[in-house]
PDB file of N, CA and C in Angstrom:
ATOM      1  N   UNK A   1      24.214   7.357  -8.189  1.00  0.00           N
ATOM      2  CA  UNK A   1      23.459   6.310  -8.811  1.00  0.00           C
ATOM      3  C   UNK A   1      22.596   6.892  -9.921  1.00  0.00           C
ATOM      4  N   UNK A   2      22.485   6.172 -10.998  1.00  0.00           N
ATOM      5  CA  UNK A   2      21.641   6.624 -12.107  1.00  0.00           C
ATOM      6  C   UNK A   2      20.175   6.305 -11.888  1.00  0.00           C
ATOM      7  N   UNK A   3      19.889   5.245 -11.100  1.00  0.00           N
ATOM      8  CA  UNK A   3      18.511   4.817 -10.918  1.00  0.00           C
ATOM      9  C   UNK A   3      18.326   4.306  -9.500  1.00  0.00           C
ATOM     10  N   UNK A   4      17.230   4.743  -8.855  1.00  0.00           N
ATOM     11  CA  UNK A   4      16.894   4.279  -7.516  1.00  0.00           C
ATOM     12  C   UNK A   4      15.409   3.938  -7.509  1.00  0.00           C
ATOM     13  N   UNK A   5      15.080   2.724  -7.086  1.00  0.00           N
ATOM     14  CA  UNK A   5      13.694   2.314  -6.924  1.00  0.00           C
ATOM     15  C   UNK A   5      13.310   2.594  -5.487  1.00  0.00           C
ATOM     16  N   UNK A   6      12.220   3.302  -5.299  1.00  0.00           N
ATOM     17  CA  UNK A   6      11.825   3.718  -3.961  1.00  0.00           C
ATOM     18  C   UNK A   6      10.344   3.438  -3.768  1.00  0.00           C
ATOM     19  N   UNK A   7      10.000   2.836  -2.643  1.00  0.00           N
ATOM     20  CA  UNK A   7       8.608   2.608  -2.289  1.00  0.00           C
ATOM     21  C   UNK A   7       8.339   3.300  -0.965  1.00  0.00           C
ATOM     22  N   UNK A   8       7.188   3.916  -0.871  1.00  0.00           N
ATOM     23  CA  UNK A   8       6.841   4.593   0.367  1.00  0.00           C
ATOM     24  C   UNK A   8       5.448   5.168   0.275  1.00  0.00           C
ATOM     25  N   UNK A   9       5.052   5.845   1.303  1.00  0.00           N
ATOM     26  CA  UNK A   9       3.731   6.435   1.368  1.00  0.00           C
ATOM     27  C   UNK A   9       3.721   7.879   0.901  1.00  0.00           C
ATOM     28  N   UNK A  10       2.651   8.593   1.213  1.00  0.00           N
ATOM     29  CA  UNK A  10       2.496   9.962   0.730  1.00  0.00           C
ATOM     30  C   UNK A  10       3.538  10.939   1.254  1.00  0.00           C
ATOM     31  N   UNK A  11       4.053  10.722   2.469  1.00  0.00           N
ATOM     32  CA  UNK A  11       5.060  11.641   3.009  1.00  0.00           C
ATOM     33  C   UNK A  11       6.361  11.538   2.225  1.00  0.00           C
ATOM     34  N   UNK A  12       6.834  10.323   2.002  1.00  0.00           N
ATOM     35  CA  UNK A  12       8.065  10.127   1.234  1.00  0.00           C
ATOM     36  C   UNK A  12       7.889  10.617  -0.203  1.00  0.00           C
ATOM     37  N   UNK A  13       6.755  10.291  -0.818  1.00  0.00           N
ATOM     38  CA  UNK A  13       6.504  10.736  -2.191  1.00  0.00           C
ATOM     39  C   UNK A  13       6.532  12.260  -2.274  1.00  0.00           C
ATOM     40  N   UNK A  14       5.896  12.927  -1.323  1.00  0.00           N
ATOM     41  CA  UNK A  14       5.898  14.389  -1.314  1.00  0.00           C
ATOM     42  C   UNK A  14       7.294  14.970  -1.203  1.00  0.00           C
ATOM     43  N   UNK A  15       8.133  14.374  -0.376  1.00  0.00           N
ATOM     44  CA  UNK A  15       9.510  14.854  -0.225  1.00  0.00           C
ATOM     45  C   UNK A  15      10.310  14.654  -1.510  1.00  0.00           C
ATOM     46  N   UNK A  16      10.118  13.526  -2.179  1.00  0.00           N
ATOM     47  CA  UNK A  16      10.826  13.273  -3.440  1.00  0.00           C
ATOM     48  C   UNK A  16      10.358  14.209  -4.546  1.00  0.00           C
ATOM     49  N   UNK A  17       9.062  14.493  -4.595  1.00  0.00           N
ATOM     50  CA  UNK A  17       8.536  15.441  -5.588  1.00  0.00           C
ATOM     51  C   UNK A  17       9.111  16.825  -5.335  1.00  0.00           C
ATOM     52  N   UNK A  18       9.092  17.273  -4.077  1.00  0.00           N
ATOM     53  CA  UNK A  18       9.647  18.587  -3.741  1.00  0.00           C
ATOM     54  C   UNK A  18      11.126  18.689  -4.109  1.00  0.00           C
ATOM     55  N   UNK A  19      11.862  17.585  -3.991  1.00  0.00           N
ATOM     56  CA  UNK A  19      13.294  17.578  -4.312  1.00  0.00           C
ATOM     57  C   UNK A  19      13.554  17.439  -5.811  1.00  0.00           C
ATOM     58  N   UNK A  20      12.505  17.266  -6.606  1.00  0.00           N
ATOM     59  CA  UNK A  20      12.691  17.096  -8.048  1.00  0.00           C
ATOM     60  C   UNK A  20      13.335  15.764  -8.398  1.00  0.00           C
ATOM     61  N   UNK A  21      13.155  14.768  -7.542  1.00  0.00           N
ATOM     62  CA  UNK A  21      13.845  13.492  -7.722  1.00  0.00           C
ATOM     63  C   UNK A  21      12.998  12.429  -8.420  1.00  0.00           C
ATOM     64  N   UNK A  22      11.808  12.777  -8.884  1.00  0.00           N
ATOM     65  CA  UNK A  22      10.925  11.808  -9.533  1.00  0.00           C
ATOM     66  C   UNK A  22      10.986  11.983 -11.043  1.00  0.00           C
ATOM     67  N   UNK A  23      11.376  10.931 -11.739  1.00  0.00           N
ATOM     68  CA  UNK A  23      11.358  10.961 -13.207  1.00  0.00           C
ATOM     69  C   UNK A  23      10.359   9.951 -13.757  1.00  0.00           C
ATOM     70  N   UNK A  24       9.946   8.996 -12.911  1.00  0.00           N
ATOM     71  CA  UNK A  24       9.020   7.946 -13.335  1.00  0.00           C
ATOM     72  C   UNK A  24       8.231   7.493 -12.114  1.00  0.00           C
ATOM     73  N   UNK A  25       6.954   7.193 -12.327  1.00  0.00           N
ATOM     74  CA  UNK A  25       6.132   6.702 -11.218  1.00  0.00           C
ATOM     75  C   UNK A  25       5.216   5.597 -11.726  1.00  0.00           C
ATOM     76  N   UNK A  26       5.114   4.539 -10.939  1.00  0.00           N
ATOM     77  CA  UNK A  26       4.223   3.421 -11.262  1.00  0.00           C
ATOM     78  C   UNK A  26       3.090   3.437 -10.237  1.00  0.00           C
ATOM     79  N   UNK A  27       1.865   3.386 -10.731  1.00  0.00           N
ATOM     80  CA  UNK A  27       0.684   3.461  -9.882  1.00  0.00           C
ATOM     81  C   UNK A  27      -0.174   2.231 -10.136  1.00  0.00           C
ATOM     82  N   UNK A  28      -0.641   1.595  -9.075  1.00  0.00           N
ATOM     83  CA  UNK A  28      -1.550   0.459  -9.191  1.00  0.00           C
ATOM     84  C   UNK A  28      -2.887   0.857  -8.590  1.00  0.00           C
ATOM     85  N   UNK A  29      -3.951   0.671  -9.363  1.00  0.00           N
ATOM     86  CA  UNK A  29      -5.302   0.907  -8.862  1.00  0.00           C
ATOM     87  C   UNK A  29      -5.951  -0.442  -8.625  1.00  0.00           C
ATOM     88  N   UNK A  30      -6.355  -0.672  -7.384  1.00  0.00           N
ATOM     89  CA  UNK A  30      -6.972  -1.931  -7.006  1.00  0.00           C
ATOM     90  C   UNK A  30      -8.482  -1.743  -6.903  1.00  0.00           C
ATOM     91  N   UNK A  31      -9.253  -2.739  -7.309  1.00  0.00           N
ATOM     92  CA  UNK A  31     -10.710  -2.621  -7.243  1.00  0.00           C
ATOM     93  C   UNK A  31     -11.232  -2.856  -5.829  1.00  0.00           C
ATOM     94  N   UNK A  32     -10.803  -2.037  -4.893  1.00  0.00           N
ATOM     95  CA  UNK A  32     -11.195  -2.169  -3.494  1.00  0.00           C
ATOM     96  C   UNK A  32     -11.655  -0.808  -2.976  1.00  0.00           C
ATOM     97  N   UNK A  33     -12.638  -0.806  -2.122  1.00  0.00           N
ATOM     98  CA  UNK A  33     -13.076   0.411  -1.451  1.00  0.00           C
ATOM     99  C   UNK A  33     -12.697   0.300   0.010  1.00  0.00           C
ATOM    100  N   UNK A  34     -12.145   1.371   0.565  1.00  0.00           N
ATOM    101  CA  UNK A  34     -11.728   1.360   1.968  1.00  0.00           C
ATOM    102  C   UNK A  34     -11.996   2.727   2.578  1.00  0.00           C
ATOM    103  N   UNK A  35     -12.172   2.735   3.862  1.00  0.00           N
ATOM    104  CA  UNK A  35     -12.352   3.979   4.584  1.00  0.00           C
ATOM    105  C   UNK A  35     -11.052   4.774   4.572  1.00  0.00           C
ATOM    106  N   UNK A  36     -11.130   6.073   4.598  1.00  0.00           N
ATOM    107  CA  UNK A  36      -9.948   6.938   4.605  1.00  0.00           C
ATOM    108  C   UNK A  36      -9.052   6.614   5.793  1.00  0.00           C
ATOM    109  N   UNK A  37      -7.752   6.646   5.555  1.00  0.00           N
ATOM    110  CA  UNK A  37      -6.769   6.374   6.597  1.00  0.00           C
ATOM    111  C   UNK A  37      -5.966   7.642   6.871  1.00  0.00           C
ATOM    112  N   UNK A  38      -5.706   7.984   8.123  1.00  0.00           N
ATOM    113  CA  UNK A  38      -4.906   9.177   8.420  1.00  0.00           C
ATOM    114  C   UNK A  38      -3.452   8.955   7.984  1.00  0.00           C
ATOM    115  N   UNK A  39      -2.848   9.999   7.428  1.00  0.00           N
ATOM    116  CA  UNK A  39      -1.448   9.887   7.003  1.00  0.00           C
ATOM    117  C   UNK A  39      -0.541  10.836   7.774  1.00  0.00           C
ATOM    118  N   UNK A  40      -1.059  11.444   8.807  1.00  0.00           N
ATOM    119  CA  UNK A  40      -0.236  12.340   9.604  1.00  0.00           C
ATOM    120  C   UNK A  40      -0.255  13.760   9.066  1.00  0.00           C
ATOM    121  N   UNK A  41       0.483  14.628   9.729  1.00  0.00           N
ATOM    122  CA  UNK A  41       0.551  16.036   9.349  1.00  0.00           C
ATOM    123  C   UNK A  41       1.616  16.218   8.281  1.00  0.00           C
ATOM    124  N   UNK A  42       1.239  16.849   7.175  1.00  0.00           N
ATOM    125  CA  UNK A  42       2.190  17.071   6.083  1.00  0.00           C
ATOM    126  C   UNK A  42       2.301  18.560   5.798  1.00  0.00           C
ATOM    127  N   UNK A  43       3.501  18.990   5.499  1.00  0.00           N
ATOM    128  CA  UNK A  43       3.735  20.375   5.109  1.00  0.00           C
ATOM    129  C   UNK A  43       3.254  20.584   3.686  1.00  0.00           C
ATOM    130  N   UNK A  44       2.814  21.791   3.321  1.00  0.00           N
ATOM    131  CA  UNK A  44       2.430  22.061   1.937  1.00  0.00           C
ATOM    132  C   UNK A  44       3.629  21.887   1.005  1.00  0.00           C
ATOM    133  N   UNK A  45       3.358  21.515  -0.222  1.00  0.00           N
ATOM    134  CA  UNK A  45       4.418  21.326  -1.209  1.00  0.00           C
ATOM    135  C   UNK A  45       5.104  22.653  -1.525  1.00  0.00           C
ATOM    136  N   UNK A  46       6.395  22.584  -1.826  1.00  0.00           N
ATOM    137  CA  UNK A  46       7.142  23.780  -2.217  1.00  0.00           C
ATOM    138  C   UNK A  46       7.052  24.038  -3.715  1.00  0.00           C
ATOM    139  N   UNK A  47       6.384  23.140  -4.460  1.00  0.00           N
ATOM    140  CA  UNK A  47       6.263  23.322  -5.908  1.00  0.00           C
ATOM    141  C   UNK A  47       5.331  24.482  -6.209  1.00  0.00           C
ATOM    142  N   UNK A  48       5.720  25.338  -7.151  1.00  0.00           N
ATOM    143  CA  UNK A  48       4.854  26.454  -7.525  1.00  0.00           C
ATOM    144  C   UNK A  48       3.750  26.005  -8.472  1.00  0.00           C
ATOM    145  N   UNK A  49       4.023  24.975  -9.272  1.00  0.00           N
ATOM    146  CA  UNK A  49       3.027  24.401 -10.186  1.00  0.00           C
ATOM    147  C   UNK A  49       3.188  22.874 -10.171  1.00  0.00           C
ATOM    148  N   UNK A  50       2.118  22.142 -10.487  1.00  0.00           N
ATOM    149  CA  UNK A  50       2.246  20.680 -10.540  1.00  0.00           C
ATOM    150  C   UNK A  50       3.235  20.243 -11.625  1.00  0.00           C
ATOM    151  N   UNK A  51       3.896  19.115 -11.407  1.00  0.00           N
ATOM    152  CA  UNK A  51       4.834  18.554 -12.376  1.00  0.00           C
ATOM    153  C   UNK A  51       4.053  17.675 -13.344  1.00  0.00           C
ATOM    154  N   UNK A  52       4.153  17.940 -14.634  1.00  0.00           N
ATOM    155  CA  UNK A  52       3.429  17.170 -15.638  1.00  0.00           C
ATOM    156  C   UNK A  52       4.120  15.830 -15.890  1.00  0.00           C
ATOM    157  N   UNK A  53       3.327  14.788 -16.006  1.00  0.00           N
ATOM    158  CA  UNK A  53       3.824  13.448 -16.322  1.00  0.00           C
ATOM    159  C   UNK A  53       3.032  12.963 -17.534  1.00  0.00           C
ATOM    160  N   UNK A  54       3.607  12.026 -18.296  1.00  0.00           N
ATOM    161  CA  UNK A  54       2.863  11.462 -19.429  1.00  0.00           C
ATOM    162  C   UNK A  54       2.729   9.963 -19.234  1.00  0.00           C
ATOM    163  N   UNK A  55       1.581   9.445 -19.631  1.00  0.00           N
ATOM    164  CA  UNK A  55       1.333   8.019 -19.505  1.00  0.00           C
ATOM    165  C   UNK A  55       2.198   7.279 -20.503  1.00  0.00           C
ATOM    166  N   UNK A  56       3.004   6.351 -20.022  1.00  0.00           N
ATOM    167  CA  UNK A  56       3.898   5.585 -20.880  1.00  0.00           C
ATOM    168  C   UNK A  56       3.376   4.173 -21.125  1.00  0.00           C
ATOM    169  N   UNK A  57       2.661   3.617 -20.129  1.00  0.00           N
ATOM    170  CA  UNK A  57       2.221   2.237 -20.261  1.00  0.00           C
ATOM    171  C   UNK A  57       1.022   1.999 -19.346  1.00  0.00           C
ATOM    172  N   UNK A  58       0.066   1.185 -19.811  1.00  0.00           N
ATOM    173  CA  UNK A  58      -1.076   0.787 -18.991  1.00  0.00           C
ATOM    174  C   UNK A  58      -1.336  -0.701 -19.213  1.00  0.00           C
ATOM    175  N   UNK A  59      -1.651  -1.403 -18.141  1.00  0.00           N
ATOM    176  CA  UNK A  59      -1.880  -2.842 -18.196  1.00  0.00           C
ATOM    177  C   UNK A  59      -2.994  -3.185 -17.217  1.00  0.00           C
ATOM    178  N   UNK A  60      -3.864  -4.100 -17.599  1.00  0.00           N
ATOM    179  CA  UNK A  60      -4.886  -4.587 -16.679  1.00  0.00           C
ATOM    180  C   UNK A  60      -4.689  -6.077 -16.441  1.00  0.00           C
ATOM    181  N   UNK A  61      -5.027  -6.508 -15.228  1.00  0.00           N
ATOM    182  CA  UNK A  61      -4.951  -7.928 -14.872  1.00  0.00           C
ATOM    183  C   UNK A  61      -5.888  -8.154 -13.687  1.00  0.00           C
ATOM    184  N   UNK A  62      -6.842  -9.052 -13.841  1.00  0.00           N
ATOM    185  CA  UNK A  62      -7.789  -9.374 -12.766  1.00  0.00           C
ATOM    186  C   UNK A  62      -8.422  -8.118 -12.153  1.00  0.00           C
ATOM    187  N   UNK A  63      -8.871  -7.204 -12.989  1.00  0.00           N
ATOM    188  CA  UNK A  63      -9.532  -5.957 -12.572  1.00  0.00           C
ATOM    189  C   UNK A  63      -8.596  -4.943 -11.918  1.00  0.00           C
ATOM    190  N   UNK A  64      -7.309  -5.225 -11.844  1.00  0.00           N
ATOM    191  CA  UNK A  64      -6.326  -4.244 -11.370  1.00  0.00           C
ATOM    192  C   UNK A  64      -5.846  -3.450 -12.572  1.00  0.00           C
ATOM    193  N   UNK A  65      -5.489  -2.190 -12.349  1.00  0.00           N
ATOM    194  CA  UNK A  65      -4.959  -1.327 -13.397  1.00  0.00           C
ATOM    195  C   UNK A  65      -3.558  -0.879 -12.986  1.00  0.00           C
ATOM    196  N   UNK A  66      -2.573  -1.180 -13.827  1.00  0.00           N
ATOM    197  CA  UNK A  66      -1.178  -0.824 -13.565  1.00  0.00           C
ATOM    198  C   UNK A  66      -0.783   0.277 -14.549  1.00  0.00           C
ATOM    199  N   UNK A  67      -0.340   1.412 -14.026  1.00  0.00           N
ATOM    200  CA  UNK A  67       0.005   2.573 -14.845  1.00  0.00           C
ATOM    201  C   UNK A  67       1.454   2.978 -14.626  1.00  0.00           C
ATOM    202  N   UNK A  68       2.113   3.378 -15.698  1.00  0.00           N
ATOM    203  CA  UNK A  68       3.488   3.864 -15.611  1.00  0.00           C
ATOM    204  C   UNK A  68       3.537   5.237 -16.272  1.00  0.00           C
ATOM    205  N   UNK A  69       3.963   6.233 -15.506  1.00  0.00           N
ATOM    206  CA  UNK A  69       4.081   7.603 -15.998  1.00  0.00           C
ATOM    207  C   UNK A  69       5.541   8.024 -15.991  1.00  0.00           C
ATOM    208  N   UNK A  70       5.895   8.892 -16.925  1.00  0.00           N
ATOM    209  CA  UNK A  70       7.273   9.409 -17.025  1.00  0.00           C
ATOM    210  C   UNK A  70       7.211  10.922 -17.220  1.00  0.00           C
ATOM    211  N   UNK A  71       8.224  11.598 -16.697  1.00  0.00           N
ATOM    212  CA  UNK A  71       8.348  13.056 -16.868  1.00  0.00           C
ATOM    213  C   UNK A  71       8.689  13.415 -18.275  1.00  0.00           C
TER     214      UNK A  71
END
């Protein structure tokens, strides 16, 4: 497949980053404050350095911020 849309939490995201399978990421920032939630035990990343992304698009709506980054 040339394109796969995937939604998941930090564990799935970490596995996809380690596999080099992320070329684009969409992030939504909501104007909400919440107490920290446990996400379970995670192994350290196998990446030697962080993967750089560039901001491709930003949009606001009702105090939400929608961001799109690309490799």
